[in-house]
Protein backbone atom coordinates (compact mmCIF):
# COMPACT_ATOMS: atom_id res chain seq x y z
CA UNK A 1 46.10 95.51 -12.15
CA UNK A 2 50.16 95.11 -11.74
CA UNK A 3 50.93 97.12 -15.08
CA UNK A 4 47.81 99.28 -14.83
CA UNK A 5 47.51 100.10 -11.06
CA UNK A 6 44.29 100.66 -9.02
CA UNK A 7 42.39 102.99 -11.45
CA UNK A 8 43.49 101.51 -14.52
CA UNK A 9 43.06 98.47 -13.67
CA UNK A 10 39.57 98.94 -12.52
CA UNK A 11 38.67 101.02 -15.38
CA UNK A 12 40.27 98.55 -17.49
CA UNK A 13 38.23 95.58 -16.35
CA UNK A 14 34.68 97.38 -16.51
CA UNK A 15 35.38 98.24 -19.80
CA UNK A 16 36.81 95.02 -21.24
CA UNK A 17 33.51 93.32 -19.67
CA UNK A 18 30.75 95.92 -21.24
CA UNK A 19 32.70 95.84 -24.58
CA UNK A 20 33.33 91.99 -24.62
CA UNK A 21 29.59 91.53 -23.99
CA UNK A 22 28.77 94.18 -26.47
CA UNK A 23 30.87 92.18 -29.23
CA UNK A 24 29.45 88.66 -28.04
CA UNK A 25 26.07 89.59 -28.25
CA UNK A 26 26.37 90.96 -32.06
CA UNK A 27 28.11 87.53 -33.02
CA UNK A 28 25.45 85.73 -31.40
CA UNK A 29 22.67 87.55 -33.04
CA UNK A 30 24.52 86.37 -36.12
CA UNK A 31 23.56 82.78 -35.17
CA UNK A 32 21.21 82.73 -38.38
CA UNK A 33 20.94 84.89 -41.19
CA UNK A 34 18.85 84.47 -44.38
CA UNK A 35 17.78 81.16 -43.63
CA UNK A 36 21.10 79.86 -42.90
CA UNK A 37 22.90 78.89 -39.07
CA UNK A 38 26.22 80.07 -38.59
CA UNK A 39 27.77 77.89 -36.28
CA UNK A 40 31.60 78.69 -36.20
CA UNK A 41 33.56 81.60 -36.50
CA UNK A 42 35.16 81.25 -39.98
CA UNK A 43 31.97 80.44 -41.19
CA UNK A 44 30.61 84.37 -40.00
CA UNK A 45 33.78 85.54 -41.76
CA UNK A 46 33.14 83.66 -44.81
CA UNK A 47 29.54 84.66 -45.38
CA UNK A 48 30.38 88.37 -44.49
CA UNK A 49 33.84 88.90 -46.00
CA UNK A 50 34.16 86.26 -48.40
CA UNK A 51 36.47 82.93 -48.82
CA UNK A 52 39.62 85.02 -48.03
CA UNK A 53 38.49 85.73 -44.70
CA UNK A 54 37.07 82.53 -44.03
CA UNK A 55 40.42 80.91 -44.76
CA UNK A 56 42.08 83.94 -42.62
CA UNK A 57 39.77 83.51 -39.67
CA UNK A 58 40.60 79.56 -40.07
CA UNK A 59 43.72 79.52 -39.77
CA UNK A 60 43.96 82.50 -36.77
CA UNK A 61 41.22 80.70 -34.70
CA UNK A 62 43.30 77.52 -34.60
CA UNK A 63 46.78 79.62 -33.77
CA UNK A 64 44.43 81.23 -30.95
CA UNK A 65 43.14 78.10 -29.39
CA UNK A 66 46.59 76.30 -29.51
CA UNK A 67 47.95 78.82 -27.64
CA UNK A 68 45.31 78.88 -24.97
CA UNK A 69 45.69 75.47 -24.78
CA UNK A 70 49.06 75.97 -24.19
CA UNK A 71 48.85 78.43 -21.58
CA UNK A 72 46.61 76.18 -19.86
CA UNK A 73 49.25 73.67 -19.87
CA UNK A 74 51.58 76.24 -18.21
CA UNK A 75 49.40 76.71 -15.60
CA UNK A 76 48.63 73.19 -14.80
CA UNK A 77 52.61 72.77 -14.36
CA UNK A 78 52.92 75.86 -12.28
CA UNK A 79 50.05 73.93 -10.19
CA UNK A 80 52.15 70.54 -9.96
CA UNK A 81 55.23 72.40 -8.94
CA UNK A 82 53.47 73.89 -6.21
CA UNK A 83 51.72 70.91 -4.80
CA UNK A 84 41.82 77.66 -12.04
CA UNK A 85 42.59 78.23 -7.83
CA UNK A 86 39.44 77.14 -6.30
CA UNK A 87 38.44 80.86 -5.56
CA UNK A 88 36.63 81.07 -2.23
CA UNK A 89 40.43 79.40 -1.11
CA UNK A 90 42.72 81.75 -3.07
CA UNK A 91 39.94 84.76 -1.94
CA UNK A 92 40.15 83.87 1.56
CA UNK A 93 43.94 82.94 2.11
CA UNK A 94 44.64 86.64 0.39
CA UNK A 95 42.39 88.01 2.44
CA UNK A 96 44.38 87.14 5.86
CA UNK A 97 47.18 88.11 4.38
CA UNK A 98 46.09 91.32 3.58
CA UNK A 99 44.28 91.77 7.18
CA UNK A 100 47.76 91.31 8.40
CA UNK A 101 48.97 94.52 6.48
CA UNK A 102 51.98 93.71 5.53
CA UNK A 103 54.22 96.12 3.79
CA UNK A 104 53.09 96.29 0.11
CA UNK A 105 53.61 99.22 -3.22
CA UNK A 106 50.92 99.80 -5.18
CA UNK A 107 53.37 101.70 -7.70
CA UNK A 108 53.26 100.18 -11.53
CA UNK A 109 56.68 98.92 -11.57
CA UNK A 110 58.87 98.90 -15.12
CA UNK A 111 60.98 101.75 -16.92
CA UNK A 112 58.45 104.25 -19.36
CA UNK A 113 59.52 101.52 -22.15
CA UNK A 114 58.44 98.95 -20.47
CA UNK A 115 55.20 100.24 -18.79
CA UNK A 116 53.94 100.88 -22.46
CA UNK A 117 54.44 97.12 -23.01
CA UNK A 118 53.47 95.68 -19.89
CA UNK A 119 49.76 98.04 -20.54
CA UNK A 120 49.22 96.76 -23.68
CA UNK A 121 50.20 92.87 -22.00
CA UNK A 122 47.39 93.65 -19.92
CA UNK A 123 45.07 95.05 -22.64
CA UNK A 124 45.38 91.74 -24.46
CA UNK A 125 45.26 89.47 -21.11
CA UNK A 126 41.82 91.52 -20.68
CA UNK A 127 40.84 90.52 -24.01
CA UNK A 128 41.54 87.01 -23.48
CA UNK A 129 39.66 86.70 -19.83
CA UNK A 130 36.68 87.89 -21.49
CA UNK A 131 36.55 86.14 -24.65
CA UNK A 132 36.61 82.33 -26.24
CA UNK A 133 37.04 82.66 -29.24
CA UNK A 134 34.47 80.08 -29.92
CA UNK A 135 31.03 81.36 -29.10
CA UNK A 136 29.31 80.48 -32.56
CA UNK A 137 30.62 77.11 -31.82
CA UNK A 138 28.89 76.65 -28.28
CA UNK A 139 26.07 78.37 -29.47
CA UNK A 140 25.17 75.79 -31.79
CA UNK A 141 24.94 73.45 -28.86
CA UNK A 142 22.11 75.98 -27.64
CA UNK A 143 19.00 74.80 -27.27
CA UNK A 144 16.10 76.63 -29.41
CA UNK A 145 15.20 79.68 -29.62
CA UNK A 146 18.77 80.09 -29.64
CA UNK A 147 20.03 83.48 -29.96
CA UNK A 148 17.78 84.49 -27.00
CA UNK A 149 19.02 81.68 -24.75
CA UNK A 150 22.25 82.78 -25.73
CA UNK A 151 21.99 86.41 -24.72
CA UNK A 152 20.62 85.14 -21.58
CA UNK A 153 23.95 83.34 -20.49
CA UNK A 154 25.88 86.19 -21.94
CA UNK A 155 24.28 88.78 -19.66
CA UNK A 156 25.03 86.12 -16.86
CA UNK A 157 28.33 85.75 -17.82
CA UNK A 158 29.37 89.40 -17.91
CA UNK A 159 27.10 90.09 -14.95
CA UNK A 160 27.16 87.46 -11.92
CA UNK A 161 29.57 85.31 -13.55
CA UNK A 162 32.39 88.04 -13.80
CA UNK A 163 32.08 88.59 -9.84
CA UNK A 164 34.54 86.02 -8.41
CA UNK A 165 36.82 87.15 -11.11
CA UNK A 166 36.28 90.51 -9.81
CA UNK A 167 36.73 89.54 -6.35
CA UNK A 168 39.82 87.60 -6.69
CA UNK A 169 41.96 90.49 -8.65
CA UNK A 170 40.53 92.87 -6.55
CA UNK A 171 41.59 91.17 -3.46
CA UNK A 172 45.14 89.89 -4.86
CA UNK A 173 46.23 93.27 -5.54
CA UNK A 174 44.88 94.72 -2.32
CA UNK A 175 46.82 91.85 -0.40
CA UNK A 176 50.21 91.87 -2.14
CA UNK A 177 50.54 95.25 -4.37
CA UNK A 178 52.72 95.00 -7.21
CA UNK A 179 54.37 92.14 -5.93
CA UNK A 180 51.21 89.63 -6.82
CA UNK A 181 51.94 86.56 -9.00
CA UNK A 182 50.03 86.14 -11.84
CA UNK A 183 49.64 82.84 -10.08
CA UNK A 184 48.08 84.15 -6.79
CA UNK A 185 48.53 80.92 -5.01
CA UNK A 186 52.16 81.85 -5.43
CA UNK A 187 51.63 84.82 -2.86
CA UNK A 188 49.13 83.34 -0.39
CA UNK A 189 50.41 81.97 3.21
CA UNK A 190 48.41 79.19 5.07
CA UNK A 191 48.18 75.92 5.59
CA UNK A 192 49.50 73.21 3.18
CA UNK A 193 46.69 71.03 2.94
CA UNK A 194 44.70 74.07 1.88
CA UNK A 195 47.35 75.56 -0.83
CA UNK A 196 47.49 71.84 -1.66
CA UNK A 197 44.18 71.42 -2.43
CA UNK A 198 44.00 73.99 -4.38
CA UNK A 199 46.95 73.35 -6.48
CA UNK A 200 45.40 70.30 -7.36
CA UNK A 201 42.09 71.85 -7.81
CA UNK A 202 43.93 74.46 -10.40
CA UNK A 203 45.35 71.43 -12.14
CA UNK A 204 41.96 69.53 -12.91
CA UNK A 205 40.51 72.98 -14.11
CA UNK A 206 43.17 73.20 -16.87
CA UNK A 207 42.82 69.48 -17.82
CA UNK A 208 38.73 70.05 -18.28
CA UNK A 209 39.67 73.64 -19.70
CA UNK A 210 41.78 71.90 -22.20
CA UNK A 211 39.27 69.54 -23.99
CA UNK A 212 36.93 72.73 -24.05
CA UNK A 213 39.13 75.06 -26.58
CA UNK A 214 40.02 71.85 -28.47
CA UNK A 215 36.58 71.91 -29.28
CA UNK A 216 37.31 72.58 -33.31
CA UNK A 217 39.81 70.62 -33.48
CA UNK A 218 37.37 67.56 -32.32
CA UNK A 219 34.93 68.53 -34.53
CA UNK A 220 37.19 68.26 -37.74
CA UNK A 221 37.99 64.64 -36.72
CA UNK A 222 34.62 63.62 -35.87
CA UNK A 223 34.12 64.87 -39.45
CA UNK A 224 36.69 63.40 -41.11
CA UNK A 225 36.47 60.04 -39.66
CA UNK A 226 32.04 60.10 -40.06
CA UNK A 227 31.53 60.37 -36.57
CA UNK A 228 28.02 60.82 -36.70
CA UNK A 229 24.80 59.94 -34.42
CA UNK A 230 24.57 59.13 -30.87
CA UNK A 231 27.50 60.07 -28.59
CA UNK A 232 26.56 56.84 -26.55
CA UNK A 233 27.23 54.47 -29.60
CA UNK A 234 29.76 52.20 -29.13
CA UNK A 235 31.91 53.27 -32.26
CA UNK A 236 31.30 56.72 -31.48
CA UNK A 237 32.17 56.73 -27.80
CA UNK A 238 35.19 54.42 -28.52
CA UNK A 239 37.02 56.65 -30.72
CA UNK A 240 35.98 59.71 -28.87
CA UNK A 241 37.86 58.58 -25.48
CA UNK A 242 40.50 56.70 -27.25
CA UNK A 243 41.11 59.98 -30.04
CA UNK A 244 39.87 63.15 -27.01
CA UNK A 245 41.73 61.07 -24.45
CA UNK A 246 45.47 60.63 -26.49
CA UNK A 247 45.43 64.63 -27.31
């Protein structure tokens, strides 16, 4: 919102929602084609464009997920230094601050050149916020009918699911204007115990999210070391606790 302003931010969020829903629905509908399931992005790329695309997407996906995990580690550090924001807490504290009507500026900051780069960065943030980079991997775990159930999940995510993000985004920008921090809890005022609770919650959320985005790495390790069968089997369970806990 800060580099795009009210109009650009609202339009950008809506466009990102619609485009991301359409793009993810296309991927979801390619789950099975020609009698073969495609449970990884690299499988899809290889099926459509060949071996070179398979190798390219394999590399890009791991780089993407690595960078996402680095981002979550930075977010976790921000949360601990201040001791995913609890949405209700962040929203409520920002609402309280906004009602007190502090001085705020909604002008887009920066020089003309700077605005170009921050706009590009804002667009990249929108892509990151709406897409996981591993939809086929998630879809591989969905119960039959796979495509229909995945589409239900996507429709829910891009309607009801985006409302909390919209609420916090718009509330934070309304309350603090162009001074809004990327980490909303840096702006809000309120009881120390409430902010502490929210920061701890943000830290725990990043710990969970790290493991979600590390799934392709876990799949590689399971395949390499022959981890098959029941997830509760002692060998499988101990291996995953040790390896995933260490990573």
